[in-house]
Amino acid sequence: MKYTNIFTSMPITQNAIETAKKFAAQQPNPQKAEQVYLNTLAVLAVNDYLQLMEIETNLAQSDSWNPVVRLCADIADLDLKGLGKLECRPVMASCPQVSNKIEIKSYLGVFTPCTATPICSIPPEVWAERIGYVVVEIDENKKEAALLGFAKTAGAGELYLDRLQSVDALLEEIERLTQPKVNLSQWFEDIFETGWQSLDDLIRYQVNPKLQFRNGSFRKGGVAVKLFADPDIVRAKLIDLGMQLGNKHVALIMALTQENDGKINILSQVHPAGGDRYLPSNLNFVLLSESGETLQEVESKGMDLWMQLRPFRVPSETNFSLKVELDDISITEAFTI
């Protein structure tokens, strides 16, 4: 069966097969043995792939490597150092050769019919405390494991294979989780991370001089346009959209106001930079929750002088991200209060 996602295939090594057989042999019945066998192959395939991507993993800290947990639960997690657990769910490839099925029967003592289902079932015990789910197609005939795609949540316990995000989405999620967070609370103490400048400093060196920002407003055609309603703090950062787009830049501007209840009101905008008059068309500006859920999103339509998200109020101990995206270029800034 073919799916729309471009997947990554990893070889199933002899060491992986021996490890999976060892774990399977510890189980009380053939059905549980087969479950553990396939789960182990899926975990090892994802582990090999992430190591190739130079992403640190820790098999020993994974529940799937704990013999007691393996016995009691249908679990196929892989611990990512400092990030959490990634669930690696196996599905069988479409109808392996009969001879291979005989080999599986000989080892496991059970014949498993080929279902070629477009759905990957997620057991309830792994619906929570996961940074995401990778579906891995196990082809024992070819000794290959294909990473079919990624999902951030288990949904209702079933993942449709043709609706999975690409494996690139997994790498983006890991990058988001590993990114240092900008501490906005420290801004009120005049402590700012590298790259975050006052408007005057940013404009003096980088932003389109034709716009002439001053005191939270800019002038264009002799008319003053107010950007913010007297915030406590305004800071801006230059965002590089990459060599592929001719070194285009935009400016991410954050205006913060401390409110009486301790929450911080935030207004965020994106402006053209580097001498450009307008934002690039189809530029996306996205507010993400800590789990990566999209909370707000706006898109430039062409000839936009700037764009902004609706103001939002954030209590203390809250994490969120802002993403600027154009075509296949995506830049994410992570924040904490």
C-alpha atoms as a PDB file:
ATOM      1  CA  MET A   1       0.000   0.000   0.000  1.00  0.00           C
ATOM      2  CA  LYS A   2       1.339   3.462  -0.887  1.00  0.00           C
ATOM      3  CA  TYR A   3       0.890   6.628   1.159  1.00  0.00           C
ATOM      4  CA  THR A   4       1.322  10.289   0.313  1.00  0.00           C
ATOM      5  CA  ASN A   5       4.092  10.934   2.837  1.00  0.00           C
ATOM      6  CA  ILE A   6       7.696  10.529   1.766  1.00  0.00           C
ATOM      7  CA  PHE A   7       9.050   8.152   4.379  1.00  0.00           C
ATOM      8  CA  THR A   8      12.527   7.227   5.541  1.00  0.00           C
ATOM      9  CA  SER A   9      13.623   3.599   5.449  1.00  0.00           C
ATOM     10  CA  MET A  10      16.115   2.157   7.904  1.00  0.00           C
ATOM     11  CA  PRO A  11      17.699  -1.298   7.673  1.00  0.00           C
ATOM     12  CA  ILE A  12      16.653  -3.814  10.293  1.00  0.00           C
ATOM     13  CA  THR A  13      20.053  -4.976  11.502  1.00  0.00           C
ATOM     14  CA  GLN A  14      20.873  -8.421  12.785  1.00  0.00           C
ATOM     15  CA  ASN A  15      21.578  -6.911  16.200  1.00  0.00           C
ATOM     16  CA  ALA A  16      18.086  -5.406  16.229  1.00  0.00           C
ATOM     17  CA  ILE A  17      16.547  -8.767  15.327  1.00  0.00           C
ATOM     18  CA  GLU A  18      18.501 -10.532  18.069  1.00  0.00           C
ATOM     19  CA  THR A  19      17.451  -7.933  20.654  1.00  0.00           C
ATOM     20  CA  ALA A  20      13.798  -8.174  19.573  1.00  0.00           C
ATOM     21  CA  LYS A  21      13.934 -11.987  19.792  1.00  0.00           C
ATOM     22  CA  LYS A  22      15.489 -11.809  23.244  1.00  0.00           C
ATOM     23  CA  PHE A  23      12.753  -9.508  24.552  1.00  0.00           C
ATOM     24  CA  ALA A  24      10.032 -11.574  22.866  1.00  0.00           C
ATOM     25  CA  ALA A  25      11.325 -14.805  24.435  1.00  0.00           C
ATOM     26  CA  GLN A  26      10.654 -13.339  27.900  1.00  0.00           C
ATOM     27  CA  GLN A  27       6.891 -13.053  27.274  1.00  0.00           C
ATOM     28  CA  PRO A  28       4.230 -15.450  28.595  1.00  0.00           C
ATOM     29  CA  ASN A  29       2.410 -16.210  25.309  1.00  0.00           C
ATOM     30  CA  PRO A  30       2.933 -15.995  21.536  1.00  0.00           C
ATOM     31  CA  GLN A  31       0.647 -12.977  21.062  1.00  0.00           C
ATOM     32  CA  LYS A  32       2.550 -10.924  23.642  1.00  0.00           C
ATOM     33  CA  ALA A  33       5.847 -12.138  22.192  1.00  0.00           C
ATOM     34  CA  GLU A  34       4.901 -10.893  18.730  1.00  0.00           C
ATOM     35  CA  GLN A  35       3.805  -7.530  20.153  1.00  0.00           C
ATOM     36  CA  VAL A  36       7.094  -7.022  21.969  1.00  0.00           C
ATOM     37  CA  TYR A  37       9.087  -8.253  18.963  1.00  0.00           C
ATOM     38  CA  LEU A  38       7.555  -5.681  16.614  1.00  0.00           C
ATOM     39  CA  ASN A  39       7.609  -2.868  19.196  1.00  0.00           C
ATOM     40  CA  THR A  40      11.314  -3.447  19.762  1.00  0.00           C
ATOM     41  CA  LEU A  41      12.121  -3.353  16.039  1.00  0.00           C
ATOM     42  CA  ALA A  42      10.184  -0.087  15.703  1.00  0.00           C
ATOM     43  CA  VAL A  43      11.975   1.541  18.637  1.00  0.00           C
ATOM     44  CA  LEU A  44      15.397   0.502  17.352  1.00  0.00           C
ATOM     45  CA  ALA A  45      14.630   1.794  13.840  1.00  0.00           C
ATOM     46  CA  VAL A  46      13.635   5.217  15.171  1.00  0.00           C
ATOM     47  CA  ASN A  47      16.637   5.214  17.503  1.00  0.00           C
ATOM     48  CA  ASP A  48      18.981   4.538  14.569  1.00  0.00           C
ATOM     49  CA  TYR A  49      17.363   7.292  12.511  1.00  0.00           C
ATOM     50  CA  LEU A  50      17.603   9.906  15.272  1.00  0.00           C
ATOM     51  CA  GLN A  51      21.218   9.009  15.936  1.00  0.00           C
ATOM     52  CA  LEU A  52      21.945   9.613  12.252  1.00  0.00           C
ATOM     53  CA  MET A  53      20.315  13.023  12.723  1.00  0.00           C
ATOM     54  CA  GLU A  54      22.636  13.579  15.732  1.00  0.00           C
ATOM     55  CA  ILE A  55      19.715  13.669  18.169  1.00  0.00           C
ATOM     56  CA  GLU A  56      20.546  12.185  21.572  1.00  0.00           C
ATOM     57  CA  THR A  57      18.479   9.235  22.752  1.00  0.00           C
ATOM     58  CA  ASN A  58      18.619   7.011  25.825  1.00  0.00           C
ATOM     59  CA  LEU A  59      17.338   3.481  25.287  1.00  0.00           C
ATOM     60  CA  ALA A  60      18.109   2.508  28.882  1.00  0.00           C
ATOM     61  CA  GLN A  61      15.694   5.158  30.190  1.00  0.00           C
ATOM     62  CA  SER A  62      12.902   4.054  27.859  1.00  0.00           C
ATOM     63  CA  ASP A  63      10.026   2.081  29.393  1.00  0.00           C
ATOM     64  CA  SER A  64      10.196  -0.273  26.413  1.00  0.00           C
ATOM     65  CA  TRP A  65      13.618  -1.346  27.698  1.00  0.00           C
ATOM     66  CA  ASN A  66      12.217  -2.183  31.142  1.00  0.00           C
ATOM     67  CA  PRO A  67      11.304  -5.896  31.288  1.00  0.00           C
ATOM     68  CA  VAL A  68       8.556  -5.353  33.866  1.00  0.00           C
ATOM     69  CA  VAL A  69       6.871  -2.567  31.860  1.00  0.00           C
ATOM     70  CA  ARG A  70       7.219  -4.596  28.637  1.00  0.00           C
ATOM     71  CA  LEU A  71       5.396  -7.454  30.307  1.00  0.00           C
ATOM     72  CA  CYS A  72       2.552  -5.332  31.666  1.00  0.00           C
ATOM     73  CA  ALA A  73       1.927  -2.815  28.853  1.00  0.00           C
ATOM     74  CA  ASP A  74       1.875  -2.467  25.081  1.00  0.00           C
ATOM     75  CA  ILE A  75       4.611   0.151  24.975  1.00  0.00           C
ATOM     76  CA  ALA A  76       7.146   1.223  22.344  1.00  0.00           C
ATOM     77  CA  ASP A  77       8.661   4.422  23.685  1.00  0.00           C
ATOM     78  CA  LEU A  78      12.081   5.931  23.010  1.00  0.00           C
ATOM     79  CA  ASP A  79      13.497   8.400  25.525  1.00  0.00           C
ATOM     80  CA  LEU A  80      14.947  11.565  23.976  1.00  0.00           C
ATOM     81  CA  LYS A  81      17.477  13.087  26.341  1.00  0.00           C
ATOM     82  CA  GLY A  82      16.030  16.055  28.166  1.00  0.00           C
ATOM     83  CA  LEU A  83      12.898  16.168  25.986  1.00  0.00           C
ATOM     84  CA  GLY A  84      10.632  13.283  26.900  1.00  0.00           C
ATOM     85  CA  LYS A  85       9.360  10.063  25.359  1.00  0.00           C
ATOM     86  CA  LEU A  86       8.604   9.465  21.690  1.00  0.00           C
ATOM     87  CA  GLU A  87       6.241   6.572  20.943  1.00  0.00           C
ATOM     88  CA  CYS A  88       7.286   4.341  18.016  1.00  0.00           C
ATOM     89  CA  ARG A  89       4.279   2.307  16.833  1.00  0.00           C
ATOM     90  CA  PRO A  90       4.806  -0.604  14.408  1.00  0.00           C
ATOM     91  CA  VAL A  91       2.579  -1.629  11.527  1.00  0.00           C
ATOM     92  CA  MET A  92       3.230  -4.587   9.261  1.00  0.00           C
ATOM     93  CA  ALA A  93       4.167  -4.145   5.620  1.00  0.00           C
ATOM     94  CA  SER A  94       1.674  -5.282   2.992  1.00  0.00           C
ATOM     95  CA  CYS A  95       1.628  -9.059   2.740  1.00  0.00           C
ATOM     96  CA  PRO A  96       5.184 -10.385   3.109  1.00  0.00           C
ATOM     97  CA  GLN A  97       6.095 -13.543   1.218  1.00  0.00           C
ATOM     98  CA  VAL A  98       4.637 -16.788   2.496  1.00  0.00           C
ATOM     99  CA  SER A  99       8.088 -18.185   3.222  1.00  0.00           C
ATOM    100  CA  ASN A 100       8.744 -15.237   5.523  1.00  0.00           C
ATOM    101  CA  LYS A 101       5.416 -15.821   7.256  1.00  0.00           C
ATOM    102  CA  ILE A 102       6.432 -19.423   7.873  1.00  0.00           C
ATOM    103  CA  GLU A 103       9.637 -18.169   9.469  1.00  0.00           C
ATOM    104  CA  ILE A 104       7.630 -15.846  11.740  1.00  0.00           C
ATOM    105  CA  LYS A 105       5.295 -18.714  12.645  1.00  0.00           C
ATOM    106  CA  SER A 106       8.247 -20.972  13.383  1.00  0.00           C
ATOM    107  CA  TYR A 107       9.770 -18.466  15.767  1.00  0.00           C
ATOM    108  CA  LEU A 108       6.713 -16.960  17.415  1.00  0.00           C
ATOM    109  CA  GLY A 109       4.468 -20.009  17.310  1.00  0.00           C
ATOM    110  CA  VAL A 110       1.592 -18.017  15.813  1.00  0.00           C
ATOM    111  CA  PHE A 111       0.499 -17.087  12.300  1.00  0.00           C
ATOM    112  CA  THR A 112      -0.402 -13.398  11.966  1.00  0.00           C
ATOM    113  CA  PRO A 113      -2.613 -12.643   8.943  1.00  0.00           C
ATOM    114  CA  CYS A 114      -1.683  -9.707   6.743  1.00  0.00           C
ATOM    115  CA  THR A 115      -4.218  -6.927   7.221  1.00  0.00           C
ATOM    116  CA  ALA A 116      -2.539  -3.982   5.413  1.00  0.00           C
ATOM    117  CA  THR A 117      -4.746  -1.629   7.409  1.00  0.00           C
ATOM    118  CA  PRO A 118      -4.455   2.150   6.777  1.00  0.00           C
ATOM    119  CA  ILE A 119      -4.876   2.733  10.527  1.00  0.00           C
ATOM    120  CA  CYS A 120      -2.342   2.448  13.321  1.00  0.00           C
ATOM    121  CA  SER A 121      -3.980   1.750  16.676  1.00  0.00           C
ATOM    122  CA  ILE A 122      -2.511   3.475  19.736  1.00  0.00           C
ATOM    123  CA  PRO A 123      -3.065   1.631  23.043  1.00  0.00           C
ATOM    124  CA  PRO A 124      -4.570   3.725  25.873  1.00  0.00           C
ATOM    125  CA  GLU A 125      -1.527   3.307  28.126  1.00  0.00           C
ATOM    126  CA  VAL A 126       0.540   5.536  25.791  1.00  0.00           C
ATOM    127  CA  TRP A 127      -2.015   8.268  25.061  1.00  0.00           C
ATOM    128  CA  ALA A 128      -0.333  10.659  27.504  1.00  0.00           C
ATOM    129  CA  GLU A 129       3.176  11.810  28.440  1.00  0.00           C
ATOM    130  CA  ARG A 130       4.457  11.584  24.886  1.00  0.00           C
ATOM    131  CA  ILE A 131       6.105  14.289  22.787  1.00  0.00           C
ATOM    132  CA  GLY A 132       4.671  12.571  19.732  1.00  0.00           C
ATOM    133  CA  TYR A 133       4.111   9.358  17.786  1.00  0.00           C
ATOM    134  CA  VAL A 134       6.061   7.859  14.889  1.00  0.00           C
ATOM    135  CA  VAL A 135       4.480   5.081  12.838  1.00  0.00           C
ATOM    136  CA  VAL A 136       7.014   2.508  11.618  1.00  0.00           C
ATOM    137  CA  GLU A 137       6.242  -0.016   8.897  1.00  0.00           C
ATOM    138  CA  ILE A 138       8.101  -3.265   9.534  1.00  0.00           C
ATOM    139  CA  ASP A 139       8.988  -5.281   6.424  1.00  0.00           C
ATOM    140  CA  GLU A 140      10.730  -8.423   7.644  1.00  0.00           C
ATOM    141  CA  ASN A 141      11.030  -9.815   4.139  1.00  0.00           C
ATOM    142  CA  LYS A 142      13.235  -6.893   3.064  1.00  0.00           C
ATOM    143  CA  LYS A 143      14.613  -6.337   6.562  1.00  0.00           C
ATOM    144  CA  GLU A 144      13.553  -2.694   6.384  1.00  0.00           C
ATOM    145  CA  ALA A 145      11.709  -0.381   8.726  1.00  0.00           C
ATOM    146  CA  ALA A 146      10.045   2.631   7.089  1.00  0.00           C
ATOM    147  CA  LEU A 147       9.251   5.693   9.182  1.00  0.00           C
ATOM    148  CA  LEU A 148       5.866   6.496   7.630  1.00  0.00           C
ATOM    149  CA  GLY A 149       5.184   9.732   9.472  1.00  0.00           C
ATOM    150  CA  PHE A 150       4.609  11.650  12.675  1.00  0.00           C
ATOM    151  CA  ALA A 151       1.684  12.795  14.819  1.00  0.00           C
ATOM    152  CA  LYS A 152       1.834  15.034  17.872  1.00  0.00           C
ATOM    153  CA  THR A 153      -1.053  13.328  19.643  1.00  0.00           C
ATOM    154  CA  ALA A 154      -2.713   9.926  19.738  1.00  0.00           C
ATOM    155  CA  GLY A 155      -6.048  11.445  18.744  1.00  0.00           C
ATOM    156  CA  ALA A 156      -8.853   9.056  19.643  1.00  0.00           C
ATOM    157  CA  GLY A 157      -6.459   6.124  19.647  1.00  0.00           C
ATOM    158  CA  GLU A 158      -6.224   5.641  15.878  1.00  0.00           C
ATOM    159  CA  LEU A 159      -3.789   7.292  13.478  1.00  0.00           C
ATOM    160  CA  TYR A 160      -4.708   7.246   9.792  1.00  0.00           C
ATOM    161  CA  LEU A 161      -1.522   6.582   7.858  1.00  0.00           C
ATOM    162  CA  ASP A 162      -2.456   8.880   4.977  1.00  0.00           C
ATOM    163  CA  ARG A 163      -2.971  11.796   7.402  1.00  0.00           C
ATOM    164  CA  LEU A 164       0.380  11.608   9.167  1.00  0.00           C
ATOM    165  CA  GLN A 165       2.762  14.528   9.035  1.00  0.00           C
ATOM    166  CA  SER A 166       6.110  13.891   7.375  1.00  0.00           C
ATOM    167  CA  VAL A 167       9.142  12.771   9.343  1.00  0.00           C
ATOM    168  CA  ASP A 168      10.450  16.330   8.859  1.00  0.00           C
ATOM    169  CA  ALA A 169       7.669  17.439  11.207  1.00  0.00           C
ATOM    170  CA  LEU A 170       9.202  15.219  13.879  1.00  0.00           C
ATOM    171  CA  LEU A 171      12.567  16.928  13.428  1.00  0.00           C
ATOM    172  CA  GLU A 172      10.885  20.342  13.611  1.00  0.00           C
ATOM    173  CA  GLU A 173       9.132  19.355  16.837  1.00  0.00           C
ATOM    174  CA  ILE A 174      12.413  18.183  18.363  1.00  0.00           C
ATOM    175  CA  GLU A 175      14.074  21.433  17.293  1.00  0.00           C
ATOM    176  CA  ARG A 176      11.242  23.399  18.904  1.00  0.00           C
ATOM    177  CA  LEU A 177      11.589  21.469  22.149  1.00  0.00           C
ATOM    178  CA  THR A 178      15.361  21.947  22.295  1.00  0.00           C
ATOM    179  CA  GLN A 179      15.289  25.644  21.520  1.00  0.00           C
ATOM    180  CA  PRO A 180      16.250  27.944  24.436  1.00  0.00           C
ATOM    181  CA  LYS A 181      13.332  30.035  25.664  1.00  0.00           C
ATOM    182  CA  VAL A 182      13.302  33.824  25.823  1.00  0.00           C
ATOM    183  CA  ASN A 183      12.395  34.802  29.401  1.00  0.00           C
ATOM    184  CA  LEU A 184       9.946  37.688  29.051  1.00  0.00           C
ATOM    185  CA  SER A 185       9.709  38.246  32.813  1.00  0.00           C
ATOM    186  CA  GLN A 186      13.348  39.324  32.792  1.00  0.00           C
ATOM    187  CA  TRP A 187      12.595  42.037  30.263  1.00  0.00           C
ATOM    188  CA  PHE A 188      10.919  43.995  33.059  1.00  0.00           C
ATOM    189  CA  GLU A 189      14.295  43.896  34.856  1.00  0.00           C
ATOM    190  CA  ASP A 190      16.107  45.223  31.750  1.00  0.00           C
ATOM    191  CA  ILE A 191      17.618  41.806  31.019  1.00  0.00           C
ATOM    192  CA  PHE A 192      17.359  40.950  27.319  1.00  0.00           C
ATOM    193  CA  GLU A 193      18.584  37.966  25.323  1.00  0.00           C
ATOM    194  CA  THR A 194      21.045  38.432  22.492  1.00  0.00           C
ATOM    195  CA  GLY A 195      19.398  39.736  19.336  1.00  0.00           C
ATOM    196  CA  TRP A 196      16.513  41.540  21.031  1.00  0.00           C
ATOM    197  CA  GLN A 197      17.016  45.271  20.539  1.00  0.00           C
ATOM    198  CA  SER A 198      15.168  48.497  21.091  1.00  0.00           C
ATOM    199  CA  LEU A 199      13.221  49.700  18.072  1.00  0.00           C
ATOM    200  CA  ASP A 200      15.561  52.623  17.572  1.00  0.00           C
ATOM    201  CA  ASP A 201      18.644  50.373  17.548  1.00  0.00           C
ATOM    202  CA  LEU A 202      17.091  47.872  15.177  1.00  0.00           C
ATOM    203  CA  ILE A 203      15.816  50.536  12.820  1.00  0.00           C
ATOM    204  CA  ARG A 204      19.042  52.477  12.836  1.00  0.00           C
ATOM    205  CA  TYR A 205      20.946  49.541  11.376  1.00  0.00           C
ATOM    206  CA  GLN A 206      18.521  47.093   9.814  1.00  0.00           C
ATOM    207  CA  VAL A 207      14.860  47.955   9.279  1.00  0.00           C
ATOM    208  CA  ASN A 208      13.510  49.799   6.262  1.00  0.00           C
ATOM    209  CA  PRO A 209      14.504  53.440   6.869  1.00  0.00           C
ATOM    210  CA  LYS A 210      11.545  54.646   4.829  1.00  0.00           C
ATOM    211  CA  LEU A 211       9.197  53.605   7.625  1.00  0.00           C
ATOM    212  CA  GLN A 212      10.939  55.755  10.273  1.00  0.00           C
ATOM    213  CA  PHE A 213       9.838  54.127  13.539  1.00  0.00           C
ATOM    214  CA  ARG A 214       9.797  56.483  16.506  1.00  0.00           C
ATOM    215  CA  ASN A 215       8.291  55.911  19.959  1.00  0.00           C
ATOM    216  CA  GLY A 216       6.117  52.993  18.948  1.00  0.00           C
ATOM    217  CA  SER A 217       4.852  54.538  15.697  1.00  0.00           C
ATOM    218  CA  PHE A 218       6.113  55.094  12.181  1.00  0.00           C
ATOM    219  CA  ARG A 219       5.595  57.726   9.551  1.00  0.00           C
ATOM    220  CA  LYS A 220       4.743  56.962   5.967  1.00  0.00           C
ATOM    221  CA  GLY A 221       3.685  59.612   3.517  1.00  0.00           C
ATOM    222  CA  GLY A 222       3.682  62.179   6.292  1.00  0.00           C
ATOM    223  CA  VAL A 223       1.096  60.264   8.335  1.00  0.00           C
ATOM    224  CA  ALA A 224       1.903  58.867  11.810  1.00  0.00           C
ATOM    225  CA  VAL A 225       0.636  55.329  12.394  1.00  0.00           C
ATOM    226  CA  LYS A 226       0.533  54.170  16.017  1.00  0.00           C
ATOM    227  CA  LEU A 227       1.827  50.630  16.445  1.00  0.00           C
ATOM    228  CA  PHE A 228       1.171  50.045  20.140  1.00  0.00           C
ATOM    229  CA  ALA A 229      -0.997  51.506  22.884  1.00  0.00           C
ATOM    230  CA  ASP A 230       1.733  52.696  25.295  1.00  0.00           C
ATOM    231  CA  PRO A 231       3.280  49.339  26.278  1.00  0.00           C
ATOM    232  CA  ASP A 232       5.754  48.997  29.122  1.00  0.00           C
ATOM    233  CA  ILE A 233       8.407  47.338  26.953  1.00  0.00           C
ATOM    234  CA  VAL A 234       8.986  47.068  23.212  1.00  0.00           C
ATOM    235  CA  ARG A 235      11.734  44.908  21.762  1.00  0.00           C
ATOM    236  CA  ALA A 236      12.453  43.701  18.236  1.00  0.00           C
ATOM    237  CA  LYS A 237      14.528  40.979  16.625  1.00  0.00           C
ATOM    238  CA  LEU A 238      15.670  40.534  13.055  1.00  0.00           C
ATOM    239  CA  ILE A 239      14.547  37.201  11.550  1.00  0.00           C
ATOM    240  CA  ASP A 240      16.594  35.753   8.683  1.00  0.00           C
ATOM    241  CA  LEU A 241      14.388  33.873   6.222  1.00  0.00           C
ATOM    242  CA  GLY A 242      17.356  32.185   4.604  1.00  0.00           C
ATOM    243  CA  MET A 243      19.725  32.182   1.684  1.00  0.00           C
ATOM    244  CA  GLN A 244      17.104  30.536  -0.524  1.00  0.00           C
ATOM    245  CA  LEU A 245      15.064  33.756  -0.494  1.00  0.00           C
ATOM    246  CA  GLY A 246      17.903  36.143  -1.263  1.00  0.00           C
ATOM    247  CA  ASN A 247      18.773  36.772   2.408  1.00  0.00           C
ATOM    248  CA  LYS A 248      15.373  38.290   3.088  1.00  0.00           C
ATOM    249  CA  HIS A 249      14.741  39.512   6.608  1.00  0.00           C
ATOM    250  CA  VAL A 250      11.706  40.530   8.610  1.00  0.00           C
ATOM    251  CA  ALA A 251      11.504  42.150  12.039  1.00  0.00           C
ATOM    252  CA  LEU A 252       9.627  40.425  14.871  1.00  0.00           C
ATOM    253  CA  ILE A 253       8.362  43.049  17.336  1.00  0.00           C
ATOM    254  CA  MET A 254       7.036  42.292  20.825  1.00  0.00           C
ATOM    255  CA  ALA A 255       5.160  44.858  22.949  1.00  0.00           C
ATOM    256  CA  LEU A 256       4.605  43.873  26.596  1.00  0.00           C
ATOM    257  CA  THR A 257       2.364  45.426  29.256  1.00  0.00           C
ATOM    258  CA  GLN A 258       2.296  44.270  32.878  1.00  0.00           C
ATOM    259  CA  GLU A 259      -1.297  44.066  34.139  1.00  0.00           C
ATOM    260  CA  ASN A 260      -2.650  44.373  37.694  1.00  0.00           C
ATOM    261  CA  ASP A 261      -3.441  40.665  38.008  1.00  0.00           C
ATOM    262  CA  GLY A 262       0.171  39.749  37.223  1.00  0.00           C
ATOM    263  CA  LYS A 263      -0.528  38.632  33.683  1.00  0.00           C
ATOM    264  CA  ILE A 264       1.380  40.085  30.752  1.00  0.00           C
ATOM    265  CA  ASN A 265      -0.470  41.471  27.745  1.00  0.00           C
ATOM    266  CA  ILE A 266       1.468  40.746  24.561  1.00  0.00           C
ATOM    267  CA  LEU A 267       1.113  42.270  21.118  1.00  0.00           C
ATOM    268  CA  SER A 268       3.342  40.736  18.458  1.00  0.00           C
ATOM    269  CA  GLN A 269       3.936  42.002  14.941  1.00  0.00           C
ATOM    270  CA  VAL A 270       6.074  41.198  11.895  1.00  0.00           C
ATOM    271  CA  HIS A 271       7.438  44.036   9.732  1.00  0.00           C
ATOM    272  CA  PRO A 272       9.480  44.135   6.531  1.00  0.00           C
ATOM    273  CA  ALA A 273      13.204  44.734   6.954  1.00  0.00           C
ATOM    274  CA  GLY A 274      16.328  45.162   4.883  1.00  0.00           C
ATOM    275  CA  GLY A 275      14.871  47.984   2.811  1.00  0.00           C
ATOM    276  CA  ASP A 276      11.751  46.117   1.673  1.00  0.00           C
ATOM    277  CA  ARG A 277       8.566  48.144   1.587  1.00  0.00           C
ATOM    278  CA  TYR A 278       6.170  45.214   1.999  1.00  0.00           C
ATOM    279  CA  LEU A 279       6.137  41.817   3.630  1.00  0.00           C
ATOM    280  CA  PRO A 280       6.636  38.794   1.354  1.00  0.00           C
ATOM    281  CA  SER A 281       3.369  37.304   0.124  1.00  0.00           C
ATOM    282  CA  ASN A 282       2.134  34.144   1.852  1.00  0.00           C
ATOM    283  CA  LEU A 283       4.222  34.766   4.959  1.00  0.00           C
ATOM    284  CA  ASN A 284       2.645  32.953   7.930  1.00  0.00           C
ATOM    285  CA  PHE A 285       2.815  34.247  11.499  1.00  0.00           C
ATOM    286  CA  VAL A 286       1.706  31.676  14.066  1.00  0.00           C
ATOM    287  CA  LEU A 287       1.178  31.549  17.843  1.00  0.00           C
ATOM    288  CA  LEU A 288       1.815  28.059  19.261  1.00  0.00           C
ATOM    289  CA  SER A 289       1.022  26.606  22.664  1.00  0.00           C
ATOM    290  CA  GLU A 290       3.633  24.759  24.713  1.00  0.00           C
ATOM    291  CA  SER A 291       2.484  21.478  23.149  1.00  0.00           C
ATOM    292  CA  GLY A 292       2.776  22.915  19.635  1.00  0.00           C
ATOM    293  CA  GLU A 293      -0.953  23.492  19.063  1.00  0.00           C
ATOM    294  CA  THR A 294      -1.777  26.432  16.783  1.00  0.00           C
ATOM    295  CA  LEU A 295      -3.626  29.114  18.785  1.00  0.00           C
ATOM    296  CA  GLN A 296      -3.576  31.947  16.230  1.00  0.00           C
ATOM    297  CA  GLU A 297      -2.382  32.326  12.660  1.00  0.00           C
ATOM    298  CA  VAL A 298      -2.261  35.158  10.124  1.00  0.00           C
ATOM    299  CA  GLU A 299      -0.949  35.245   6.565  1.00  0.00           C
ATOM    300  CA  SER A 300       0.320  38.149   4.489  1.00  0.00           C
ATOM    301  CA  LYS A 301      -1.672  38.733   1.304  1.00  0.00           C
ATOM    302  CA  GLY A 302       0.702  40.951  -0.628  1.00  0.00           C
ATOM    303  CA  MET A 303       1.584  44.642  -0.194  1.00  0.00           C
ATOM    304  CA  ASP A 304       1.156  44.332   3.584  1.00  0.00           C
ATOM    305  CA  LEU A 305       3.120  46.947   5.537  1.00  0.00           C
ATOM    306  CA  TRP A 306       3.013  44.664   8.586  1.00  0.00           C
ATOM    307  CA  MET A 307       0.857  41.982  10.194  1.00  0.00           C
ATOM    308  CA  GLN A 308       0.020  41.130  13.770  1.00  0.00           C
ATOM    309  CA  LEU A 309      -1.657  38.550  15.957  1.00  0.00           C
ATOM    310  CA  ARG A 310      -4.523  39.464  18.228  1.00  0.00           C
ATOM    311  CA  PRO A 311      -3.218  40.613  21.633  1.00  0.00           C
ATOM    312  CA  PHE A 312      -3.073  37.788  24.160  1.00  0.00           C
ATOM    313  CA  ARG A 313      -2.674  37.686  27.946  1.00  0.00           C
ATOM    314  CA  VAL A 314      -0.202  35.271  29.498  1.00  0.00           C
ATOM    315  CA  PRO A 315       0.024  34.257  33.186  1.00  0.00           C
ATOM    316  CA  SER A 316       3.295  33.382  34.898  1.00  0.00           C
ATOM    317  CA  GLU A 317       4.906  29.970  34.287  1.00  0.00           C
ATOM    318  CA  THR A 318       3.511  29.826  30.755  1.00  0.00           C
ATOM    319  CA  ASN A 319       5.454  28.719  27.687  1.00  0.00           C
ATOM    320  CA  PHE A 320       4.548  29.550  24.080  1.00  0.00           C
ATOM    321  CA  SER A 321       6.190  30.044  20.701  1.00  0.00           C
ATOM    322  CA  LEU A 322       5.923  32.361  17.719  1.00  0.00           C
ATOM    323  CA  LYS A 323       6.643  30.949  14.272  1.00  0.00           C
ATOM    324  CA  VAL A 324       7.423  32.881  11.097  1.00  0.00           C
ATOM    325  CA  GLU A 325       7.068  30.662   8.037  1.00  0.00           C
ATOM    326  CA  LEU A 326       7.501  31.185   4.305  1.00  0.00           C
ATOM    327  CA  ASP A 327       7.350  28.252   1.883  1.00  0.00           C
ATOM    328  CA  ASP A 328       9.677  25.617   3.380  1.00  0.00           C
ATOM    329  CA  ILE A 329      11.507  28.091   5.638  1.00  0.00           C
ATOM    330  CA  SER A 330      10.328  28.128   9.253  1.00  0.00           C
ATOM    331  CA  ILE A 331      11.796  30.123  12.153  1.00  0.00           C
ATOM    332  CA  THR A 332      10.423  29.601  15.667  1.00  0.00           C
ATOM    333  CA  GLU A 333      11.082  31.701  18.766  1.00  0.00           C
ATOM    334  CA  ALA A 334      10.229  30.073  22.116  1.00  0.00           C
ATOM    335  CA  PHE A 335       9.162  32.195  25.103  1.00  0.00           C
ATOM    336  CA  THR A 336       8.493  31.701  28.797  1.00  0.00           C
ATOM    337  CA  ILE A 337       6.977  33.932  31.454  1.00  0.00           C
END
